[in-house]
C-alpha cells in the first residue's frame, strides 16, 4: 500500500508519518517513509526554492516513492502535488499540476492533515497561519476538482495517529475485498468540510468521527 501524506505547513505531516510507521511496524508490517525533499533542499541551500527550481524538487519527491524498497506500507511525507500547489500560490505557476496529478495515481490512499494543530514557526520553510489556510483550501480544491478522494486526519498526539490508522485499515479492508482498490479505499473515509478550512470546524468534524467510531474490541 502506498500512502500520500498531504497538508499545509505546520500540520504535523512528518510527525504523523513517523508515528504511523512505528505503529504499523509494531503490528509486524514492513514500512518505509519517503521523507520530504523540500525540507532537505532548504536546509542545504539556506533558502526556499525559486520558481524554476520547483520542478526538480517535484521529480525528486516522486523518485523517492518510485525507487523505494519493497515493503508492506510506503508512507510519502508529501508528494509532488504539494510542490505544484506552492508553485501555483507563490509563483502563479500551474505547470507542475499535470506531472503531480499523473504521479498521484500510484497512491492507494491520500491523507490530508487537518488544521487543528497550533501553528509554530519553523525557520524559512513556514510563511504563517494565513498561508497555511490558503494552501489547505487550494489543496482540497485540487483534490476535489480531479476526483481524488482523501481522508482528513485530526486530533492531538495518539488521537491523530489513531485517526490515520483507522483510514489505513479501512483502505486495506476494502482492497482485500476485490478489484477497484483505489476508488474503494476512501469511499467511506472522506471526512471533508466542503464549506471552509476553519480550525474550529476541523475540531467539530473530528469529534463526530470519534463519536461514530465503533468501540474497541475487548
C-alpha atoms as a PDB file:
ATOM      1  CA  UNK A   1       0.000   0.000   0.000  1.00  0.00           C
ATOM      2  CA  UNK A   2       1.274   3.468  -0.928  1.00  0.00           C
ATOM      3  CA  UNK A   3       0.012   6.347   1.206  1.00  0.00           C
ATOM      4  CA  UNK A   4       0.331  10.047   0.372  1.00  0.00           C
ATOM      5  CA  UNK A   5       0.539  12.413   3.338  1.00  0.00           C
ATOM      6  CA  UNK A   6      -0.511  15.872   2.221  1.00  0.00           C
ATOM      7  CA  UNK A   7      -1.179  19.084   4.087  1.00  0.00           C
ATOM      8  CA  UNK A   8      -0.270  22.701   4.567  1.00  0.00           C
ATOM      9  CA  UNK A   9       2.721  23.820   6.603  1.00  0.00           C
ATOM     10  CA  UNK A  10       2.746  23.039  10.323  1.00  0.00           C
ATOM     11  CA  UNK A  11       0.027  20.389  10.219  1.00  0.00           C
ATOM     12  CA  UNK A  12       2.178  17.552  11.528  1.00  0.00           C
ATOM     13  CA  UNK A  13       2.869  15.524   8.375  1.00  0.00           C
ATOM     14  CA  UNK A  14       6.352  14.367   9.360  1.00  0.00           C
ATOM     15  CA  UNK A  15       5.431  13.510  12.943  1.00  0.00           C
ATOM     16  CA  UNK A  16       2.362  11.652  11.703  1.00  0.00           C
ATOM     17  CA  UNK A  17       4.414   9.667   9.179  1.00  0.00           C
ATOM     18  CA  UNK A  18       6.840   8.627  11.904  1.00  0.00           C
ATOM     19  CA  UNK A  19       4.091   7.721  14.378  1.00  0.00           C
ATOM     20  CA  UNK A  20       2.105   5.720  11.833  1.00  0.00           C
ATOM     21  CA  UNK A  21       5.235   3.917  10.626  1.00  0.00           C
ATOM     22  CA  UNK A  22       6.080   2.926  14.210  1.00  0.00           C
ATOM     23  CA  UNK A  23       2.534   1.680  14.818  1.00  0.00           C
ATOM     24  CA  UNK A  24       2.496  -0.377  11.622  1.00  0.00           C
ATOM     25  CA  UNK A  25       5.917  -1.836  12.362  1.00  0.00           C
ATOM     26  CA  UNK A  26       4.685  -2.838  15.817  1.00  0.00           C
ATOM     27  CA  UNK A  27       1.973  -4.823  14.030  1.00  0.00           C
ATOM     28  CA  UNK A  28       4.637  -6.653  12.051  1.00  0.00           C
ATOM     29  CA  UNK A  29       4.186  -4.749   8.777  1.00  0.00           C
ATOM     30  CA  UNK A  30       7.314  -3.644   6.956  1.00  0.00           C
ATOM     31  CA  UNK A  31       7.133   0.111   6.445  1.00  0.00           C
ATOM     32  CA  UNK A  32       9.193   2.746   4.640  1.00  0.00           C
ATOM     33  CA  UNK A  33       8.884   6.549   4.906  1.00  0.00           C
ATOM     34  CA  UNK A  34       9.838   8.664   1.895  1.00  0.00           C
ATOM     35  CA  UNK A  35      10.984  11.941   3.512  1.00  0.00           C
ATOM     36  CA  UNK A  36      10.203  15.435   2.262  1.00  0.00           C
ATOM     37  CA  UNK A  37      12.682  16.640  -0.360  1.00  0.00           C
ATOM     38  CA  UNK A  38      11.845  20.328   0.156  1.00  0.00           C
ATOM     39  CA  UNK A  39      12.964  20.339   3.786  1.00  0.00           C
ATOM     40  CA  UNK A  40      16.334  18.865   2.864  1.00  0.00           C
ATOM     41  CA  UNK A  41      16.662  21.295  -0.051  1.00  0.00           C
ATOM     42  CA  UNK A  42      16.008  24.321   2.163  1.00  0.00           C
ATOM     43  CA  UNK A  43      18.474  23.113   4.782  1.00  0.00           C
ATOM     44  CA  UNK A  44      21.138  22.576   2.124  1.00  0.00           C
ATOM     45  CA  UNK A  45      20.655  25.942   0.381  1.00  0.00           C
ATOM     46  CA  UNK A  46      19.580  28.043   3.397  1.00  0.00           C
ATOM     47  CA  UNK A  47      16.680  29.470   1.396  1.00  0.00           C
ATOM     48  CA  UNK A  48      13.414  28.472  -0.242  1.00  0.00           C
ATOM     49  CA  UNK A  49      13.460  27.456  -3.918  1.00  0.00           C
ATOM     50  CA  UNK A  50      12.843  29.805  -6.818  1.00  0.00           C
ATOM     51  CA  UNK A  51      10.139  29.144  -9.387  1.00  0.00           C
ATOM     52  CA  UNK A  52      12.413  27.371 -11.876  1.00  0.00           C
ATOM     53  CA  UNK A  53      13.796  25.103  -9.117  1.00  0.00           C
ATOM     54  CA  UNK A  54      10.419  23.660  -8.177  1.00  0.00           C
ATOM     55  CA  UNK A  55      10.287  21.071 -10.949  1.00  0.00           C
ATOM     56  CA  UNK A  56      13.464  19.318  -9.804  1.00  0.00           C
ATOM     57  CA  UNK A  57      12.076  19.099  -6.264  1.00  0.00           C
ATOM     58  CA  UNK A  58       8.819  17.613  -7.544  1.00  0.00           C
ATOM     59  CA  UNK A  59      10.636  14.984  -9.612  1.00  0.00           C
ATOM     60  CA  UNK A  60      12.981  14.126  -6.731  1.00  0.00           C
ATOM     61  CA  UNK A  61       9.982  13.628  -4.428  1.00  0.00           C
ATOM     62  CA  UNK A  62       8.371  11.279  -6.944  1.00  0.00           C
ATOM     63  CA  UNK A  63      11.591   9.268  -7.326  1.00  0.00           C
ATOM     64  CA  UNK A  64      11.701   8.661  -3.571  1.00  0.00           C
ATOM     65  CA  UNK A  65       8.420   6.812  -3.883  1.00  0.00           C
ATOM     66  CA  UNK A  66       9.048   5.053  -7.185  1.00  0.00           C
ATOM     67  CA  UNK A  67      12.511   3.859  -6.095  1.00  0.00           C
ATOM     68  CA  UNK A  68      11.587   2.969  -2.511  1.00  0.00           C
ATOM     69  CA  UNK A  69      12.467  -0.503  -1.215  1.00  0.00           C
ATOM     70  CA  UNK A  70       9.785  -3.178  -1.268  1.00  0.00           C
ATOM     71  CA  UNK A  71       7.607  -3.068   1.851  1.00  0.00           C
ATOM     72  CA  UNK A  72       4.066  -3.639   3.064  1.00  0.00           C
ATOM     73  CA  UNK A  73       3.303   0.072   3.506  1.00  0.00           C
ATOM     74  CA  UNK A  74       5.058   3.070   1.988  1.00  0.00           C
ATOM     75  CA  UNK A  75       4.360   6.492   3.522  1.00  0.00           C
ATOM     76  CA  UNK A  76       5.275   9.527   1.442  1.00  0.00           C
ATOM     77  CA  UNK A  77       5.809  12.640   3.566  1.00  0.00           C
ATOM     78  CA  UNK A  78       4.286  14.968   0.969  1.00  0.00           C
ATOM     79  CA  UNK A  79       4.135  14.428  -2.813  1.00  0.00           C
ATOM     80  CA  UNK A  80       4.735  16.457  -5.987  1.00  0.00           C
ATOM     81  CA  UNK A  81       1.169  17.712  -5.636  1.00  0.00           C
ATOM     82  CA  UNK A  82       2.181  19.907  -2.701  1.00  0.00           C
ATOM     83  CA  UNK A  83       5.064  21.313  -4.765  1.00  0.00           C
ATOM     84  CA  UNK A  84       2.608  22.109  -7.550  1.00  0.00           C
ATOM     85  CA  UNK A  85       0.251  23.864  -5.147  1.00  0.00           C
ATOM     86  CA  UNK A  86       3.006  26.022  -3.663  1.00  0.00           C
ATOM     87  CA  UNK A  87       4.224  26.851  -7.176  1.00  0.00           C
ATOM     88  CA  UNK A  88       0.692  27.907  -8.037  1.00  0.00           C
ATOM     89  CA  UNK A  89       0.176  30.048  -4.931  1.00  0.00           C
ATOM     90  CA  UNK A  90       3.645  31.565  -4.554  1.00  0.00           C
ATOM     91  CA  UNK A  91       4.685  31.984  -8.196  1.00  0.00           C
ATOM     92  CA  UNK A  92       1.411  31.794 -10.118  1.00  0.00           C
ATOM     93  CA  UNK A  93       2.867  28.809 -11.996  1.00  0.00           C
ATOM     94  CA  UNK A  94       0.453  25.950 -12.716  1.00  0.00           C
ATOM     95  CA  UNK A  95       2.788  23.970 -14.967  1.00  0.00           C
ATOM     96  CA  UNK A  96       3.551  21.287 -12.360  1.00  0.00           C
ATOM     97  CA  UNK A  97      -0.039  20.128 -11.897  1.00  0.00           C
ATOM     98  CA  UNK A  98      -0.014  17.748 -14.875  1.00  0.00           C
ATOM     99  CA  UNK A  99       3.018  15.835 -13.629  1.00  0.00           C
ATOM    100  CA  UNK A 100       1.903  15.923  -9.995  1.00  0.00           C
ATOM    101  CA  UNK A 101      -1.592  14.618 -10.739  1.00  0.00           C
ATOM    102  CA  UNK A 102      -0.264  11.879 -13.031  1.00  0.00           C
ATOM    103  CA  UNK A 103       2.140  10.746 -10.315  1.00  0.00           C
ATOM    104  CA  UNK A 104      -0.640  10.752  -7.718  1.00  0.00           C
ATOM    105  CA  UNK A 105      -2.189   7.721  -9.427  1.00  0.00           C
ATOM    106  CA  UNK A 106       0.410   5.495  -7.717  1.00  0.00           C
ATOM    107  CA  UNK A 107      -1.101   6.095  -4.257  1.00  0.00           C
ATOM    108  CA  UNK A 108      -3.741   3.852  -2.754  1.00  0.00           C
ATOM    109  CA  UNK A 109      -4.709   6.292  -0.013  1.00  0.00           C
ATOM    110  CA  UNK A 110      -4.424  10.047   0.421  1.00  0.00           C
ATOM    111  CA  UNK A 111      -4.354  11.501   3.927  1.00  0.00           C
ATOM    112  CA  UNK A 112      -4.691  15.268   4.438  1.00  0.00           C
ATOM    113  CA  UNK A 113      -3.550  16.662   7.783  1.00  0.00           C
ATOM    114  CA  UNK A 114      -6.176  18.974   9.280  1.00  0.00           C
ATOM    115  CA  UNK A 115      -5.778  22.488  10.655  1.00  0.00           C
ATOM    116  CA  UNK A 116      -6.402  21.585  14.279  1.00  0.00           C
ATOM    117  CA  UNK A 117      -2.778  21.904  15.445  1.00  0.00           C
ATOM    118  CA  UNK A 118      -1.361  25.244  16.637  1.00  0.00           C
ATOM    119  CA  UNK A 119       0.812  26.993  14.081  1.00  0.00           C
ATOM    120  CA  UNK A 120       4.502  27.044  15.047  1.00  0.00           C
ATOM    121  CA  UNK A 121       7.294  28.931  13.276  1.00  0.00           C
ATOM    122  CA  UNK A 122       9.993  26.780  11.688  1.00  0.00           C
ATOM    123  CA  UNK A 123      12.610  28.970  10.065  1.00  0.00           C
ATOM    124  CA  UNK A 124      12.438  29.766   6.366  1.00  0.00           C
ATOM    125  CA  UNK A 125      10.067  26.942   5.466  1.00  0.00           C
ATOM    126  CA  UNK A 126       6.930  28.415   7.010  1.00  0.00           C
ATOM    127  CA  UNK A 127       5.073  31.507   5.854  1.00  0.00           C
ATOM    128  CA  UNK A 128       2.425  31.936   8.540  1.00  0.00           C
ATOM    129  CA  UNK A 129      -1.083  30.897   9.506  1.00  0.00           C
ATOM    130  CA  UNK A 130      -2.688  32.834   6.635  1.00  0.00           C
ATOM    131  CA  UNK A 131      -0.609  30.932   4.070  1.00  0.00           C
ATOM    132  CA  UNK A 132      -1.391  27.692   5.888  1.00  0.00           C
ATOM    133  CA  UNK A 133      -5.122  28.258   5.424  1.00  0.00           C
ATOM    134  CA  UNK A 134      -4.675  29.296   1.805  1.00  0.00           C
ATOM    135  CA  UNK A 135      -2.652  26.197   0.947  1.00  0.00           C
ATOM    136  CA  UNK A 136      -5.099  23.929   2.753  1.00  0.00           C
ATOM    137  CA  UNK A 137      -8.034  25.397   0.830  1.00  0.00           C
ATOM    138  CA  UNK A 138      -6.239  25.104  -2.522  1.00  0.00           C
ATOM    139  CA  UNK A 139      -5.193  21.510  -1.800  1.00  0.00           C
ATOM    140  CA  UNK A 140      -8.770  20.486  -1.149  1.00  0.00           C
ATOM    141  CA  UNK A 141      -9.972  22.327  -4.236  1.00  0.00           C
ATOM    142  CA  UNK A 142      -7.495  20.463  -6.430  1.00  0.00           C
ATOM    143  CA  UNK A 143      -8.234  17.065  -4.922  1.00  0.00           C
ATOM    144  CA  UNK A 144     -11.970  17.529  -5.290  1.00  0.00           C
ATOM    145  CA  UNK A 145     -11.738  19.021  -8.787  1.00  0.00           C
ATOM    146  CA  UNK A 146      -9.842  15.951 -10.016  1.00  0.00           C
ATOM    147  CA  UNK A 147     -11.967  13.404  -8.176  1.00  0.00           C
ATOM    148  CA  UNK A 148      -9.161  12.359  -5.823  1.00  0.00           C
ATOM    149  CA  UNK A 149     -10.761  11.087  -2.636  1.00  0.00           C
ATOM    150  CA  UNK A 150      -8.991  11.752   0.610  1.00  0.00           C
ATOM    151  CA  UNK A 151      -9.287  11.365   4.354  1.00  0.00           C
ATOM    152  CA  UNK A 152      -8.614  14.301   6.671  1.00  0.00           C
ATOM    153  CA  UNK A 153      -6.637  13.411   9.803  1.00  0.00           C
ATOM    154  CA  UNK A 154      -7.471  15.206  13.048  1.00  0.00           C
ATOM    155  CA  UNK A 155      -6.500  15.060  16.716  1.00  0.00           C
ATOM    156  CA  UNK A 156      -3.589  15.564  19.053  1.00  0.00           C
ATOM    157  CA  UNK A 157      -0.807  13.030  19.554  1.00  0.00           C
ATOM    158  CA  UNK A 158      -2.097   9.469  19.722  1.00  0.00           C
ATOM    159  CA  UNK A 159      -5.548  10.588  18.551  1.00  0.00           C
ATOM    160  CA  UNK A 160      -4.072  11.862  15.302  1.00  0.00           C
ATOM    161  CA  UNK A 161      -2.218   8.609  14.698  1.00  0.00           C
ATOM    162  CA  UNK A 162      -5.349   6.588  15.507  1.00  0.00           C
ATOM    163  CA  UNK A 163      -7.366   8.602  13.016  1.00  0.00           C
ATOM    164  CA  UNK A 164      -4.802   7.913  10.276  1.00  0.00           C
ATOM    165  CA  UNK A 165      -4.568   4.220  11.179  1.00  0.00           C
ATOM    166  CA  UNK A 166      -8.352   3.888  11.025  1.00  0.00           C
ATOM    167  CA  UNK A 167      -8.323   5.205   7.447  1.00  0.00           C
ATOM    168  CA  UNK A 168      -5.426   2.894   6.535  1.00  0.00           C
ATOM    169  CA  UNK A 169      -7.195  -0.134   7.995  1.00  0.00           C
ATOM    170  CA  UNK A 170     -10.387   0.740   6.160  1.00  0.00           C
ATOM    171  CA  UNK A 171      -8.430   1.059   2.916  1.00  0.00           C
ATOM    172  CA  UNK A 172      -6.758  -2.320   3.448  1.00  0.00           C
ATOM    173  CA  UNK A 173     -10.092  -3.986   4.177  1.00  0.00           C
ATOM    174  CA  UNK A 174     -11.692  -2.517   1.069  1.00  0.00           C
ATOM    175  CA  UNK A 175      -8.730  -3.528  -1.087  1.00  0.00           C
ATOM    176  CA  UNK A 176      -8.856  -7.102   0.226  1.00  0.00           C
ATOM    177  CA  UNK A 177     -12.467  -7.432  -0.886  1.00  0.00           C
ATOM    178  CA  UNK A 178     -11.742  -7.171  -4.597  1.00  0.00           C
ATOM    179  CA  UNK A 179     -10.678  -5.017  -7.555  1.00  0.00           C
ATOM    180  CA  UNK A 180     -11.019  -1.266  -7.857  1.00  0.00           C
ATOM    181  CA  UNK A 181      -8.946  -0.683  -4.749  1.00  0.00           C
ATOM    182  CA  UNK A 182      -8.052   2.970  -5.380  1.00  0.00           C
ATOM    183  CA  UNK A 183     -11.700   4.015  -5.577  1.00  0.00           C
ATOM    184  CA  UNK A 184     -12.774   1.691  -2.802  1.00  0.00           C
ATOM    185  CA  UNK A 185     -10.077   2.713  -0.378  1.00  0.00           C
ATOM    186  CA  UNK A 186     -11.616   6.021   0.623  1.00  0.00           C
ATOM    187  CA  UNK A 187     -15.266   5.533  -0.196  1.00  0.00           C
ATOM    188  CA  UNK A 188     -16.227   5.727   3.491  1.00  0.00           C
ATOM    189  CA  UNK A 189     -13.310   7.829   4.751  1.00  0.00           C
ATOM    190  CA  UNK A 190     -13.790  11.186   3.097  1.00  0.00           C
ATOM    191  CA  UNK A 191     -14.169  13.426   6.144  1.00  0.00           C
ATOM    192  CA  UNK A 192     -14.215  16.754   4.365  1.00  0.00           C
ATOM    193  CA  UNK A 193     -15.662  20.147   5.176  1.00  0.00           C
ATOM    194  CA  UNK A 194     -16.871  21.435   1.818  1.00  0.00           C
ATOM    195  CA  UNK A 195     -17.504  24.939   3.103  1.00  0.00           C
ATOM    196  CA  UNK A 196     -14.319  26.082   4.832  1.00  0.00           C
ATOM    197  CA  UNK A 197     -10.954  25.171   6.317  1.00  0.00           C
ATOM    198  CA  UNK A 198     -11.557  26.703   9.717  1.00  0.00           C
ATOM    199  CA  UNK A 199      -9.807  25.017  12.645  1.00  0.00           C
ATOM    200  CA  UNK A 200     -12.956  25.057  14.802  1.00  0.00           C
ATOM    201  CA  UNK A 201     -14.804  23.246  12.032  1.00  0.00           C
ATOM    202  CA  UNK A 202     -11.973  20.707  11.933  1.00  0.00           C
ATOM    203  CA  UNK A 203     -12.396  20.073  15.665  1.00  0.00           C
ATOM    204  CA  UNK A 204     -16.131  19.505  15.248  1.00  0.00           C
ATOM    205  CA  UNK A 205     -15.583  17.031  12.426  1.00  0.00           C
ATOM    206  CA  UNK A 206     -13.031  15.122  14.469  1.00  0.00           C
ATOM    207  CA  UNK A 207     -15.387  14.876  17.442  1.00  0.00           C
ATOM    208  CA  UNK A 208     -18.090  13.499  15.145  1.00  0.00           C
ATOM    209  CA  UNK A 209     -15.643  10.957  13.737  1.00  0.00           C
ATOM    210  CA  UNK A 210     -14.762   9.699  17.228  1.00  0.00           C
ATOM    211  CA  UNK A 211     -18.408   9.600  18.260  1.00  0.00           C
ATOM    212  CA  UNK A 212     -19.365   7.497  15.223  1.00  0.00           C
ATOM    213  CA  UNK A 213     -16.439   5.071  15.527  1.00  0.00           C
ATOM    214  CA  UNK A 214     -17.276   1.594  16.873  1.00  0.00           C
ATOM    215  CA  UNK A 215     -15.979   0.786  20.382  1.00  0.00           C
ATOM    216  CA  UNK A 216     -12.656  -1.044  20.519  1.00  0.00           C
ATOM    217  CA  UNK A 217     -12.732  -4.827  20.701  1.00  0.00           C
ATOM    218  CA  UNK A 218     -12.350  -6.236  24.222  1.00  0.00           C
END
